[in-house]
């Protein structure tokens, strides 16, 4: 039994790693929103971690209920499919809304000129935008942003598809300790991979210095989230 449990743990870790790595929706929204909203590394990690907990937790609860009640895997997979469709459409809707808001913000912050007259015949002008002047409206620490909560709801609804059929039910054939052990391995690897990829990608974005595109940062973030939602819904990622 120990050999079988070790094999299940390795399987859980492998599936958790590749399932996360091959699904850009597990990390791209956090990277792009962190860049657009200038989140600190700590805040980015906290939001990513909590969303990861919500993402894995929903399937864990459903899987444990299925094991306890003896439900068939196909019944749980049907429910997971419904959750997945809902999460995908929510991500698409959020991406569209964020994209439109970002484009509107970019238009309002477009560069423009001011002409100054000093003495007769002497004048000068200068170009600027209001991005830096108004960024506090959107990122002021005293204001509560709904963006992390929206992300959490989307990820809590989004299922970890491989968890129930490939990990929890094989483990249930051994004992409940095996169920918890394999689930813990899957959750740790999934969330750990999310945090690692988000951290590396966030530093990569900073090194590439996209400051010239900062005016469009929110629109780009919205477009990225929209593409992730479309990929989930229509490409099965």
C-alpha atoms as a PDB file:
ATOM      1  CA  UNK A   1       0.000   0.000   0.000  1.00  0.00           C
ATOM      2  CA  UNK A   2       2.898   2.335   0.733  1.00  0.00           C
ATOM      3  CA  UNK A   3       4.207   1.877  -2.795  1.00  0.00           C
ATOM      4  CA  UNK A   4       0.777   2.644  -4.250  1.00  0.00           C
ATOM      5  CA  UNK A   5       0.428   5.763  -2.096  1.00  0.00           C
ATOM      6  CA  UNK A   6       3.867   6.985  -3.148  1.00  0.00           C
ATOM      7  CA  UNK A   7       2.848   6.540  -6.780  1.00  0.00           C
ATOM      8  CA  UNK A   8      -0.362   8.477  -6.166  1.00  0.00           C
ATOM      9  CA  UNK A   9       1.558  11.292  -4.477  1.00  0.00           C
ATOM     10  CA  UNK A  10       3.956  11.533  -7.413  1.00  0.00           C
ATOM     11  CA  UNK A  11       0.995  11.517  -9.796  1.00  0.00           C
ATOM     12  CA  UNK A  12      -0.728  14.251  -7.805  1.00  0.00           C
ATOM     13  CA  UNK A  13       2.397  16.427  -7.821  1.00  0.00           C
ATOM     14  CA  UNK A  14       2.973  15.908 -11.550  1.00  0.00           C
ATOM     15  CA  UNK A  15      -0.635  16.639 -12.493  1.00  0.00           C
ATOM     16  CA  UNK A  16      -0.761  19.682 -10.210  1.00  0.00           C
ATOM     17  CA  UNK A  17       2.416  21.106 -11.730  1.00  0.00           C
ATOM     18  CA  UNK A  18       1.582  20.641 -15.408  1.00  0.00           C
ATOM     19  CA  UNK A  19      -2.119  21.485 -14.981  1.00  0.00           C
ATOM     20  CA  UNK A  20      -1.079  24.850 -13.534  1.00  0.00           C
ATOM     21  CA  UNK A  21       1.848  25.549 -15.842  1.00  0.00           C
ATOM     22  CA  UNK A  22      -0.108  24.789 -19.028  1.00  0.00           C
ATOM     23  CA  UNK A  23      -3.080  26.922 -17.939  1.00  0.00           C
ATOM     24  CA  UNK A  24      -2.173  30.619 -18.350  1.00  0.00           C
ATOM     25  CA  UNK A  25      -5.372  31.556 -16.531  1.00  0.00           C
ATOM     26  CA  UNK A  26      -3.644  30.338 -13.344  1.00  0.00           C
ATOM     27  CA  UNK A  27      -1.085  33.170 -13.411  1.00  0.00           C
ATOM     28  CA  UNK A  28      -1.491  35.665 -16.270  1.00  0.00           C
ATOM     29  CA  UNK A  29      -4.382  37.650 -14.688  1.00  0.00           C
ATOM     30  CA  UNK A  30      -2.341  38.199 -11.513  1.00  0.00           C
ATOM     31  CA  UNK A  31       0.771  39.291 -13.407  1.00  0.00           C
ATOM     32  CA  UNK A  32      -1.047  41.762 -15.636  1.00  0.00           C
ATOM     33  CA  UNK A  33      -3.247  43.279 -12.930  1.00  0.00           C
ATOM     34  CA  UNK A  34      -0.248  43.581 -10.585  1.00  0.00           C
ATOM     35  CA  UNK A  35       1.592  45.476 -13.340  1.00  0.00           C
ATOM     36  CA  UNK A  36      -1.387  47.698 -14.187  1.00  0.00           C
ATOM     37  CA  UNK A  37      -2.247  48.536 -10.587  1.00  0.00           C
ATOM     38  CA  UNK A  38       1.357  48.650  -9.378  1.00  0.00           C
ATOM     39  CA  UNK A  39       0.754  46.062  -6.681  1.00  0.00           C
ATOM     40  CA  UNK A  40       3.641  45.288  -4.382  1.00  0.00           C
ATOM     41  CA  UNK A  41       5.198  41.846  -4.522  1.00  0.00           C
ATOM     42  CA  UNK A  42       3.639  41.007  -1.156  1.00  0.00           C
ATOM     43  CA  UNK A  43       0.114  41.980  -2.221  1.00  0.00           C
ATOM     44  CA  UNK A  44       0.491  40.081  -5.493  1.00  0.00           C
ATOM     45  CA  UNK A  45       1.527  36.937  -3.629  1.00  0.00           C
ATOM     46  CA  UNK A  46      -1.289  37.237  -1.079  1.00  0.00           C
ATOM     47  CA  UNK A  47      -3.956  37.658  -3.779  1.00  0.00           C
ATOM     48  CA  UNK A  48      -2.483  34.782  -5.806  1.00  0.00           C
ATOM     49  CA  UNK A  49      -2.289  32.528  -2.741  1.00  0.00           C
ATOM     50  CA  UNK A  50      -5.870  33.192  -1.652  1.00  0.00           C
ATOM     51  CA  UNK A  51      -7.188  32.655  -5.182  1.00  0.00           C
ATOM     52  CA  UNK A  52      -5.207  29.416  -5.339  1.00  0.00           C
ATOM     53  CA  UNK A  53      -6.794  28.276  -2.075  1.00  0.00           C
ATOM     54  CA  UNK A  54     -10.240  29.074  -3.464  1.00  0.00           C
ATOM     55  CA  UNK A  55      -9.437  27.349  -6.767  1.00  0.00           C
ATOM     56  CA  UNK A  56      -8.329  24.084  -5.155  1.00  0.00           C
ATOM     57  CA  UNK A  57     -10.680  24.275  -2.191  1.00  0.00           C
ATOM     58  CA  UNK A  58     -13.904  24.078  -4.196  1.00  0.00           C
ATOM     59  CA  UNK A  59     -12.884  20.829  -5.881  1.00  0.00           C
ATOM     60  CA  UNK A  60     -11.517  19.435  -2.611  1.00  0.00           C
ATOM     61  CA  UNK A  61     -14.828  19.989  -0.816  1.00  0.00           C
ATOM     62  CA  UNK A  62     -16.783  18.512  -3.719  1.00  0.00           C
ATOM     63  CA  UNK A  63     -14.438  15.539  -3.978  1.00  0.00           C
ATOM     64  CA  UNK A  64     -14.546  14.789  -0.246  1.00  0.00           C
ATOM     65  CA  UNK A  65     -18.339  14.974  -0.331  1.00  0.00           C
ATOM     66  CA  UNK A  66     -18.342  12.587  -3.268  1.00  0.00           C
ATOM     67  CA  UNK A  67     -16.049  10.140  -1.465  1.00  0.00           C
ATOM     68  CA  UNK A  68     -18.128  10.306   1.716  1.00  0.00           C
ATOM     69  CA  UNK A  69     -21.456   9.884  -0.098  1.00  0.00           C
ATOM     70  CA  UNK A  70     -20.220   7.353  -2.622  1.00  0.00           C
ATOM     71  CA  UNK A  71     -21.221   9.455  -5.613  1.00  0.00           C
ATOM     72  CA  UNK A  72     -20.143   8.406  -9.089  1.00  0.00           C
ATOM     73  CA  UNK A  73     -17.243  10.267 -10.662  1.00  0.00           C
ATOM     74  CA  UNK A  74     -19.294  11.221 -13.724  1.00  0.00           C
ATOM     75  CA  UNK A  75     -21.849  13.022 -11.528  1.00  0.00           C
ATOM     76  CA  UNK A  76     -19.125  15.088  -9.902  1.00  0.00           C
ATOM     77  CA  UNK A  77     -17.503  15.793 -13.258  1.00  0.00           C
ATOM     78  CA  UNK A  78     -20.826  17.087 -14.589  1.00  0.00           C
ATOM     79  CA  UNK A  79     -21.070  19.513 -11.678  1.00  0.00           C
ATOM     80  CA  UNK A  80     -17.430  20.542 -12.183  1.00  0.00           C
ATOM     81  CA  UNK A  81     -18.188  21.190 -15.850  1.00  0.00           C
ATOM     82  CA  UNK A  82     -21.051  23.519 -14.935  1.00  0.00           C
ATOM     83  CA  UNK A  83     -18.790  25.366 -12.483  1.00  0.00           C
ATOM     84  CA  UNK A  84     -16.077  25.609 -15.129  1.00  0.00           C
ATOM     85  CA  UNK A  85     -18.417  27.152 -17.708  1.00  0.00           C
ATOM     86  CA  UNK A  86     -19.680  29.690 -15.186  1.00  0.00           C
ATOM     87  CA  UNK A  87     -16.127  30.634 -14.154  1.00  0.00           C
ATOM     88  CA  UNK A  88     -15.044  30.997 -17.790  1.00  0.00           C
ATOM     89  CA  UNK A  89     -17.949  33.302 -18.644  1.00  0.00           C
ATOM     90  CA  UNK A  90     -17.308  35.357 -15.511  1.00  0.00           C
ATOM     91  CA  UNK A  91     -13.669  35.753 -16.538  1.00  0.00           C
ATOM     92  CA  UNK A  92     -14.733  36.775 -20.051  1.00  0.00           C
ATOM     93  CA  UNK A  93     -17.187  39.329 -18.654  1.00  0.00           C
ATOM     94  CA  UNK A  94     -14.638  40.693 -16.209  1.00  0.00           C
ATOM     95  CA  UNK A  95     -12.038  40.938 -18.970  1.00  0.00           C
ATOM     96  CA  UNK A  96     -14.407  42.870 -21.240  1.00  0.00           C
ATOM     97  CA  UNK A  97     -15.406  45.255 -18.449  1.00  0.00           C
ATOM     98  CA  UNK A  98     -11.797  45.832 -17.409  1.00  0.00           C
ATOM     99  CA  UNK A  99     -10.709  46.322 -21.035  1.00  0.00           C
ATOM    100  CA  UNK A 100     -13.416  48.920 -21.686  1.00  0.00           C
ATOM    101  CA  UNK A 101     -12.606  50.726 -18.441  1.00  0.00           C
ATOM    102  CA  UNK A 102      -8.895  50.648 -19.299  1.00  0.00           C
ATOM    103  CA  UNK A 103      -9.473  52.114 -22.764  1.00  0.00           C
ATOM    104  CA  UNK A 104     -11.635  54.856 -21.279  1.00  0.00           C
ATOM    105  CA  UNK A 105      -8.926  55.617 -18.731  1.00  0.00           C
ATOM    106  CA  UNK A 106      -6.247  55.699 -21.435  1.00  0.00           C
ATOM    107  CA  UNK A 107      -8.344  58.126 -23.490  1.00  0.00           C
ATOM    108  CA  UNK A 108      -8.809  60.429 -20.509  1.00  0.00           C
ATOM    109  CA  UNK A 109      -5.059  60.321 -19.805  1.00  0.00           C
ATOM    110  CA  UNK A 110      -3.967  60.998 -23.388  1.00  0.00           C
ATOM    111  CA  UNK A 111      -1.084  63.523 -23.671  1.00  0.00           C
ATOM    112  CA  UNK A 112      -2.062  67.117 -24.463  1.00  0.00           C
ATOM    113  CA  UNK A 113      -0.547  70.598 -24.522  1.00  0.00           C
ATOM    114  CA  UNK A 114      -0.886  73.648 -22.326  1.00  0.00           C
ATOM    115  CA  UNK A 115       0.149  77.086 -23.693  1.00  0.00           C
ATOM    116  CA  UNK A 116       1.410  79.678 -21.230  1.00  0.00           C
ATOM    117  CA  UNK A 117       1.632  83.436 -21.924  1.00  0.00           C
ATOM    118  CA  UNK A 118       4.080  85.443 -19.806  1.00  0.00           C
ATOM    119  CA  UNK A 119       4.722  88.833 -21.411  1.00  0.00           C
ATOM    120  CA  UNK A 120       3.476  90.141 -24.751  1.00  0.00           C
ATOM    121  CA  UNK A 121       5.045  88.119 -27.509  1.00  0.00           C
ATOM    122  CA  UNK A 122       6.532  85.467 -25.197  1.00  0.00           C
ATOM    123  CA  UNK A 123       4.835  82.128 -24.802  1.00  0.00           C
ATOM    124  CA  UNK A 124       5.704  78.455 -24.378  1.00  0.00           C
ATOM    125  CA  UNK A 125       3.887  75.173 -24.236  1.00  0.00           C
ATOM    126  CA  UNK A 126       4.499  71.769 -22.709  1.00  0.00           C
ATOM    127  CA  UNK A 127       2.953  68.352 -23.201  1.00  0.00           C
ATOM    128  CA  UNK A 128       1.885  66.060 -20.398  1.00  0.00           C
ATOM    129  CA  UNK A 129      -0.785  63.623 -19.352  1.00  0.00           C
ATOM    130  CA  UNK A 130      -2.695  63.180 -16.145  1.00  0.00           C
ATOM    131  CA  UNK A 131      -1.804  59.571 -15.504  1.00  0.00           C
ATOM    132  CA  UNK A 132       0.567  60.272 -12.659  1.00  0.00           C
ATOM    133  CA  UNK A 133      -1.733  62.945 -11.229  1.00  0.00           C
ATOM    134  CA  UNK A 134      -4.789  60.695 -11.108  1.00  0.00           C
ATOM    135  CA  UNK A 135      -3.316  57.282 -10.407  1.00  0.00           C
ATOM    136  CA  UNK A 136      -4.146  57.743  -6.722  1.00  0.00           C
ATOM    137  CA  UNK A 137      -7.827  57.650  -7.584  1.00  0.00           C
ATOM    138  CA  UNK A 138      -7.493  54.033  -8.606  1.00  0.00           C
ATOM    139  CA  UNK A 139      -4.673  52.750  -6.407  1.00  0.00           C
ATOM    140  CA  UNK A 140      -4.992  54.817  -3.242  1.00  0.00           C
ATOM    141  CA  UNK A 141      -4.310  52.572  -0.223  1.00  0.00           C
ATOM    142  CA  UNK A 142      -7.372  53.958   1.586  1.00  0.00           C
ATOM    143  CA  UNK A 143      -9.719  52.803  -1.177  1.00  0.00           C
ATOM    144  CA  UNK A 144     -11.006  49.236  -1.273  1.00  0.00           C
ATOM    145  CA  UNK A 145     -10.552  47.662  -4.711  1.00  0.00           C
ATOM    146  CA  UNK A 146     -13.015  44.993  -5.783  1.00  0.00           C
ATOM    147  CA  UNK A 147     -10.536  43.495  -8.265  1.00  0.00           C
ATOM    148  CA  UNK A 148      -9.007  40.936  -5.840  1.00  0.00           C
ATOM    149  CA  UNK A 149     -12.493  39.869  -4.751  1.00  0.00           C
ATOM    150  CA  UNK A 150     -13.629  39.395  -8.337  1.00  0.00           C
ATOM    151  CA  UNK A 151     -10.542  37.280  -9.045  1.00  0.00           C
ATOM    152  CA  UNK A 152     -11.177  35.207  -5.920  1.00  0.00           C
ATOM    153  CA  UNK A 153     -14.801  34.512  -6.885  1.00  0.00           C
ATOM    154  CA  UNK A 154     -13.768  33.482 -10.403  1.00  0.00           C
ATOM    155  CA  UNK A 155     -11.040  31.161  -9.131  1.00  0.00           C
ATOM    156  CA  UNK A 156     -13.237  29.711  -6.387  1.00  0.00           C
ATOM    157  CA  UNK A 157     -15.802  28.783  -9.036  1.00  0.00           C
ATOM    158  CA  UNK A 158     -13.168  27.460 -11.428  1.00  0.00           C
ATOM    159  CA  UNK A 159     -12.635  23.726 -10.838  1.00  0.00           C
ATOM    160  CA  UNK A 160      -9.381  21.769 -10.694  1.00  0.00           C
ATOM    161  CA  UNK A 161     -10.572  19.241 -13.260  1.00  0.00           C
ATOM    162  CA  UNK A 162      -7.929  16.520 -12.694  1.00  0.00           C
ATOM    163  CA  UNK A 163      -8.296  16.465  -8.919  1.00  0.00           C
ATOM    164  CA  UNK A 164     -11.401  14.326  -8.516  1.00  0.00           C
ATOM    165  CA  UNK A 165     -11.044  11.604 -11.181  1.00  0.00           C
ATOM    166  CA  UNK A 166      -7.253  11.285 -11.218  1.00  0.00           C
ATOM    167  CA  UNK A 167      -6.275  11.861  -7.617  1.00  0.00           C
ATOM    168  CA  UNK A 168      -8.997  11.687  -4.978  1.00  0.00           C
ATOM    169  CA  UNK A 169     -10.915   8.622  -6.093  1.00  0.00           C
ATOM    170  CA  UNK A 170      -7.854   6.391  -6.566  1.00  0.00           C
ATOM    171  CA  UNK A 171      -6.695   7.478  -3.117  1.00  0.00           C
ATOM    172  CA  UNK A 172     -10.124   6.693  -1.649  1.00  0.00           C
ATOM    173  CA  UNK A 173      -9.574   3.031  -2.473  1.00  0.00           C
ATOM    174  CA  UNK A 174      -6.906   2.966   0.234  1.00  0.00           C
ATOM    175  CA  UNK A 175      -8.132   5.045   3.190  1.00  0.00           C
ATOM    176  CA  UNK A 176      -9.204   8.551   4.141  1.00  0.00           C
ATOM    177  CA  UNK A 177      -5.691   9.408   5.264  1.00  0.00           C
ATOM    178  CA  UNK A 178      -4.581   8.681   1.722  1.00  0.00           C
ATOM    179  CA  UNK A 179      -7.271  10.996   0.381  1.00  0.00           C
ATOM    180  CA  UNK A 180      -6.077  13.880   2.548  1.00  0.00           C
ATOM    181  CA  UNK A 181      -2.422  13.153   1.798  1.00  0.00           C
ATOM    182  CA  UNK A 182      -2.792  13.108  -1.977  1.00  0.00           C
ATOM    183  CA  UNK A 183      -5.077  16.152  -1.882  1.00  0.00           C
ATOM    184  CA  UNK A 184      -2.533  18.077   0.200  1.00  0.00           C
ATOM    185  CA  UNK A 185       0.234  17.223  -2.280  1.00  0.00           C
ATOM    186  CA  UNK A 186      -1.895  18.321  -5.231  1.00  0.00           C
ATOM    187  CA  UNK A 187      -2.899  21.574  -3.510  1.00  0.00           C
ATOM    188  CA  UNK A 188       0.641  22.414  -2.398  1.00  0.00           C
ATOM    189  CA  UNK A 189       2.134  21.843  -5.841  1.00  0.00           C
ATOM    190  CA  UNK A 190      -0.675  23.703  -7.633  1.00  0.00           C
ATOM    191  CA  UNK A 191      -0.516  26.786  -5.404  1.00  0.00           C
ATOM    192  CA  UNK A 192       3.279  26.659  -5.221  1.00  0.00           C
ATOM    193  CA  UNK A 193       3.496  26.618  -9.021  1.00  0.00           C
ATOM    194  CA  UNK A 194       1.085  29.547  -9.252  1.00  0.00           C
ATOM    195  CA  UNK A 195       3.175  31.597  -6.808  1.00  0.00           C
ATOM    196  CA  UNK A 196       6.455  30.719  -8.523  1.00  0.00           C
ATOM    197  CA  UNK A 197       5.277  31.531 -12.043  1.00  0.00           C
ATOM    198  CA  UNK A 198       3.586  34.774 -10.945  1.00  0.00           C
ATOM    199  CA  UNK A 199       6.738  35.884  -9.112  1.00  0.00           C
ATOM    200  CA  UNK A 200       9.035  35.139 -12.054  1.00  0.00           C
ATOM    201  CA  UNK A 201       6.674  36.674 -14.618  1.00  0.00           C
ATOM    202  CA  UNK A 202       6.163  39.784 -12.490  1.00  0.00           C
ATOM    203  CA  UNK A 203       9.927  40.348 -12.303  1.00  0.00           C
ATOM    204  CA  UNK A 204      10.199  39.675 -16.028  1.00  0.00           C
ATOM    205  CA  UNK A 205       7.639  42.383 -16.800  1.00  0.00           C
ATOM    206  CA  UNK A 206       9.579  44.828 -14.604  1.00  0.00           C
ATOM    207  CA  UNK A 207      12.874  43.995 -16.343  1.00  0.00           C
ATOM    208  CA  UNK A 208      11.356  44.505 -19.787  1.00  0.00           C
ATOM    209  CA  UNK A 209      10.399  48.055 -18.771  1.00  0.00           C
ATOM    210  CA  UNK A 210       6.996  48.584 -20.331  1.00  0.00           C
ATOM    211  CA  UNK A 211       6.786  52.138 -18.946  1.00  0.00           C
ATOM    212  CA  UNK A 212       5.966  53.535 -22.389  1.00  0.00           C
ATOM    213  CA  UNK A 213       2.825  51.368 -22.388  1.00  0.00           C
ATOM    214  CA  UNK A 214       1.759  52.267 -18.852  1.00  0.00           C
ATOM    215  CA  UNK A 215      -1.055  54.457 -20.126  1.00  0.00           C
ATOM    216  CA  UNK A 216      -2.650  51.362 -21.643  1.00  0.00           C
ATOM    217  CA  UNK A 217      -1.748  49.024 -18.766  1.00  0.00           C
ATOM    218  CA  UNK A 218      -5.320  48.512 -17.560  1.00  0.00           C
ATOM    219  CA  UNK A 219      -6.601  47.923 -21.080  1.00  0.00           C
ATOM    220  CA  UNK A 220      -3.814  45.385 -21.699  1.00  0.00           C
ATOM    221  CA  UNK A 221      -4.631  43.663 -18.398  1.00  0.00           C
ATOM    222  CA  UNK A 222      -8.304  43.482 -19.378  1.00  0.00           C
ATOM    223  CA  UNK A 223      -7.450  42.071 -22.791  1.00  0.00           C
ATOM    224  CA  UNK A 224      -5.223  39.427 -21.172  1.00  0.00           C
ATOM    225  CA  UNK A 225      -7.999  38.341 -18.804  1.00  0.00           C
ATOM    226  CA  UNK A 226     -10.464  38.267 -21.695  1.00  0.00           C
ATOM    227  CA  UNK A 227      -8.115  36.042 -23.733  1.00  0.00           C
ATOM    228  CA  UNK A 228      -7.711  33.683 -20.779  1.00  0.00           C
ATOM    229  CA  UNK A 229     -11.465  33.382 -20.410  1.00  0.00           C
ATOM    230  CA  UNK A 230     -11.911  32.725 -24.125  1.00  0.00           C
ATOM    231  CA  UNK A 231      -9.145  30.113 -24.053  1.00  0.00           C
ATOM    232  CA  UNK A 232     -10.827  28.298 -21.167  1.00  0.00           C
ATOM    233  CA  UNK A 233     -14.273  28.385 -22.732  1.00  0.00           C
ATOM    234  CA  UNK A 234     -13.454  27.591 -26.342  1.00  0.00           C
ATOM    235  CA  UNK A 235     -10.054  25.857 -26.243  1.00  0.00           C
ATOM    236  CA  UNK A 236     -10.467  23.842 -23.075  1.00  0.00           C
ATOM    237  CA  UNK A 237      -7.309  25.168 -21.398  1.00  0.00           C
END
